[in-house]
């Protein structure tokens, strides 16, 4: 049973997240043969000021 954790900047719409769920699930089904009912996906929305990249806080 695949469990996918997606961390991203907060602010994505429910429609965008649904599109991601659809595509990620589709990829697991197509590539690994996993039944779609067994693919679990969780989103972790992180505020932009909590990310660091290239030695700098994003904010």
N, C-alpha and C. Protein backbone atom coordinates (compact mmCIF):
# COMPACT_ATOMS: atom_id res chain seq x y z
N UNK A 1 0.85 -1.18 0.00
CA UNK A 1 0.00 0.00 0.00
C UNK A 1 0.89 1.24 0.00
N UNK A 2 0.99 1.94 -1.11
CA UNK A 2 1.82 3.14 -1.15
C UNK A 2 1.22 4.28 -0.32
N UNK A 3 2.08 4.98 0.38
CA UNK A 3 1.71 6.17 1.14
C UNK A 3 2.60 7.29 0.64
N UNK A 4 2.01 8.31 0.04
CA UNK A 4 2.76 9.41 -0.56
C UNK A 4 2.54 10.67 0.27
N UNK A 5 3.61 11.30 0.70
CA UNK A 5 3.52 12.56 1.44
C UNK A 5 4.03 13.67 0.52
N UNK A 6 3.21 14.68 0.33
CA UNK A 6 3.55 15.79 -0.55
C UNK A 6 3.67 17.05 0.32
N UNK A 7 4.87 17.61 0.36
CA UNK A 7 5.09 18.85 1.11
C UNK A 7 5.21 19.98 0.09
N UNK A 8 4.47 21.06 0.33
CA UNK A 8 4.50 22.18 -0.60
C UNK A 8 4.13 23.46 0.11
N UNK A 9 4.42 24.58 -0.58
CA UNK A 9 4.00 25.86 -0.02
C UNK A 9 2.50 25.84 0.18
N UNK A 10 2.04 26.43 1.28
CA UNK A 10 0.61 26.51 1.50
C UNK A 10 -0.03 27.44 0.46
N UNK A 11 -1.32 27.25 0.25
CA UNK A 11 -2.03 28.15 -0.65
C UNK A 11 -2.58 27.48 -1.90
N UNK A 12 -2.30 26.19 -2.10
CA UNK A 12 -2.88 25.51 -3.26
C UNK A 12 -4.37 25.30 -3.03
N UNK A 13 -5.15 25.39 -4.07
CA UNK A 13 -6.59 25.21 -3.97
C UNK A 13 -6.94 23.72 -3.85
N UNK A 14 -8.16 23.46 -3.42
CA UNK A 14 -8.64 22.08 -3.35
C UNK A 14 -8.65 21.46 -4.75
N UNK A 15 -8.96 22.27 -5.76
CA UNK A 15 -8.97 21.76 -7.14
C UNK A 15 -7.56 21.34 -7.57
N UNK A 16 -6.55 22.12 -7.21
CA UNK A 16 -5.18 21.76 -7.54
C UNK A 16 -4.76 20.48 -6.82
N UNK A 17 -5.11 20.39 -5.55
CA UNK A 17 -4.77 19.18 -4.80
C UNK A 17 -5.49 17.96 -5.36
N UNK A 18 -6.73 18.12 -5.77
CA UNK A 18 -7.46 17.00 -6.36
C UNK A 18 -6.80 16.55 -7.65
N UNK A 19 -6.35 17.51 -8.46
CA UNK A 19 -5.65 17.16 -9.70
C UNK A 19 -4.37 16.39 -9.40
N UNK A 20 -3.64 16.80 -8.36
CA UNK A 20 -2.43 16.08 -7.96
C UNK A 20 -2.76 14.67 -7.48
N UNK A 21 -3.81 14.54 -6.68
CA UNK A 21 -4.24 13.21 -6.22
C UNK A 21 -4.57 12.33 -7.41
N UNK A 22 -5.30 12.87 -8.37
CA UNK A 22 -5.66 12.09 -9.56
C UNK A 22 -4.42 11.59 -10.29
N UNK A 23 -3.48 12.50 -10.55
CA UNK A 23 -2.30 12.14 -11.34
C UNK A 23 -1.35 11.19 -10.60
N UNK A 24 -1.13 11.46 -9.30
CA UNK A 24 -0.25 10.59 -8.51
C UNK A 24 -0.84 9.19 -8.44
N UNK A 25 -2.13 9.11 -8.17
CA UNK A 25 -2.81 7.81 -8.11
C UNK A 25 -2.71 7.09 -9.45
N UNK A 26 -2.98 7.81 -10.51
CA UNK A 26 -2.91 7.24 -11.87
C UNK A 26 -1.53 6.66 -12.15
N UNK A 27 -0.49 7.37 -11.74
CA UNK A 27 0.88 6.90 -11.97
C UNK A 27 1.15 5.60 -11.22
N UNK A 28 0.72 5.51 -9.97
CA UNK A 28 0.93 4.27 -9.21
C UNK A 28 0.18 3.11 -9.83
N UNK A 29 -1.05 3.36 -10.25
CA UNK A 29 -1.84 2.30 -10.88
C UNK A 29 -1.16 1.83 -12.16
N UNK A 30 -0.76 2.77 -13.00
CA UNK A 30 -0.17 2.44 -14.30
C UNK A 30 1.19 1.76 -14.18
N UNK A 31 2.04 2.28 -13.32
CA UNK A 31 3.42 1.80 -13.24
C UNK A 31 3.57 0.56 -12.37
N UNK A 32 2.89 0.54 -11.22
CA UNK A 32 3.12 -0.58 -10.29
C UNK A 32 1.96 -1.57 -10.22
N UNK A 33 0.84 -1.22 -10.85
CA UNK A 33 -0.31 -2.12 -10.81
C UNK A 33 -1.05 -2.09 -9.48
N UNK A 34 -0.74 -1.12 -8.65
CA UNK A 34 -1.42 -0.98 -7.36
C UNK A 34 -2.87 -0.57 -7.59
N UNK A 35 -3.82 -1.22 -6.93
CA UNK A 35 -5.21 -0.77 -7.06
C UNK A 35 -5.34 0.66 -6.52
N UNK A 36 -6.12 1.48 -7.20
CA UNK A 36 -6.21 2.88 -6.79
C UNK A 36 -6.73 3.05 -5.37
N UNK A 37 -7.53 2.10 -4.90
CA UNK A 37 -8.05 2.17 -3.53
C UNK A 37 -6.95 2.01 -2.48
N UNK A 38 -5.78 1.55 -2.91
CA UNK A 38 -4.69 1.32 -1.97
C UNK A 38 -3.67 2.45 -1.94
N UNK A 39 -3.86 3.47 -2.76
CA UNK A 39 -2.91 4.59 -2.82
C UNK A 39 -3.38 5.68 -1.85
N UNK A 40 -2.54 5.97 -0.87
CA UNK A 40 -2.82 7.00 0.13
C UNK A 40 -1.93 8.20 -0.14
N UNK A 41 -2.52 9.39 -0.08
CA UNK A 41 -1.76 10.62 -0.32
C UNK A 41 -2.11 11.63 0.77
N UNK A 42 -1.10 12.25 1.36
CA UNK A 42 -1.34 13.28 2.36
C UNK A 42 -0.56 14.53 1.95
N UNK A 43 -1.20 15.68 2.12
CA UNK A 43 -0.56 16.95 1.82
C UNK A 43 -0.12 17.62 3.12
N UNK A 44 1.07 18.15 3.12
CA UNK A 44 1.59 18.93 4.24
C UNK A 44 1.81 20.34 3.69
N UNK A 45 0.91 21.24 4.03
CA UNK A 45 1.03 22.63 3.61
C UNK A 45 1.93 23.37 4.59
N UNK A 46 3.02 23.90 4.10
CA UNK A 46 4.00 24.56 4.94
C UNK A 46 4.07 26.03 4.54
N UNK A 47 3.98 26.95 5.51
CA UNK A 47 4.09 28.36 5.18
C UNK A 47 5.41 28.65 4.48
N UNK A 48 5.38 29.56 3.51
CA UNK A 48 6.56 29.89 2.72
C UNK A 48 7.73 30.31 3.60
N UNK A 49 7.46 31.01 4.70
CA UNK A 49 8.56 31.50 5.54
C UNK A 49 9.20 30.38 6.38
N UNK A 50 8.71 29.16 6.24
CA UNK A 50 9.28 28.03 6.96
C UNK A 50 10.18 27.17 6.07
N UNK A 51 10.40 27.62 4.84
CA UNK A 51 11.26 26.89 3.90
C UNK A 51 12.59 27.62 3.77
N UNK A 52 13.66 26.87 3.68
CA UNK A 52 14.95 27.44 3.37
C UNK A 52 15.46 26.83 2.07
N UNK A 53 16.07 27.65 1.24
CA UNK A 53 16.62 27.17 -0.02
C UNK A 53 17.82 28.02 -0.40
N UNK A 54 18.88 27.39 -0.81
CA UNK A 54 20.07 28.13 -1.22
C UNK A 54 20.68 28.96 -0.10
N UNK A 55 20.52 28.51 1.13
CA UNK A 55 21.09 29.21 2.27
C UNK A 55 20.26 30.38 2.76
N UNK A 56 19.03 30.52 2.23
CA UNK A 56 18.16 31.64 2.64
C UNK A 56 16.75 31.15 2.94
N UNK A 57 16.15 31.78 3.94
CA UNK A 57 14.74 31.53 4.19
C UNK A 57 13.92 32.12 3.07
N UNK A 58 12.91 31.39 2.63
CA UNK A 58 11.99 31.91 1.62
C UNK A 58 10.92 32.68 2.37
N UNK A 59 10.54 33.77 2.00
CA UNK A 59 9.55 34.46 2.81
C UNK A 59 8.99 35.66 2.23
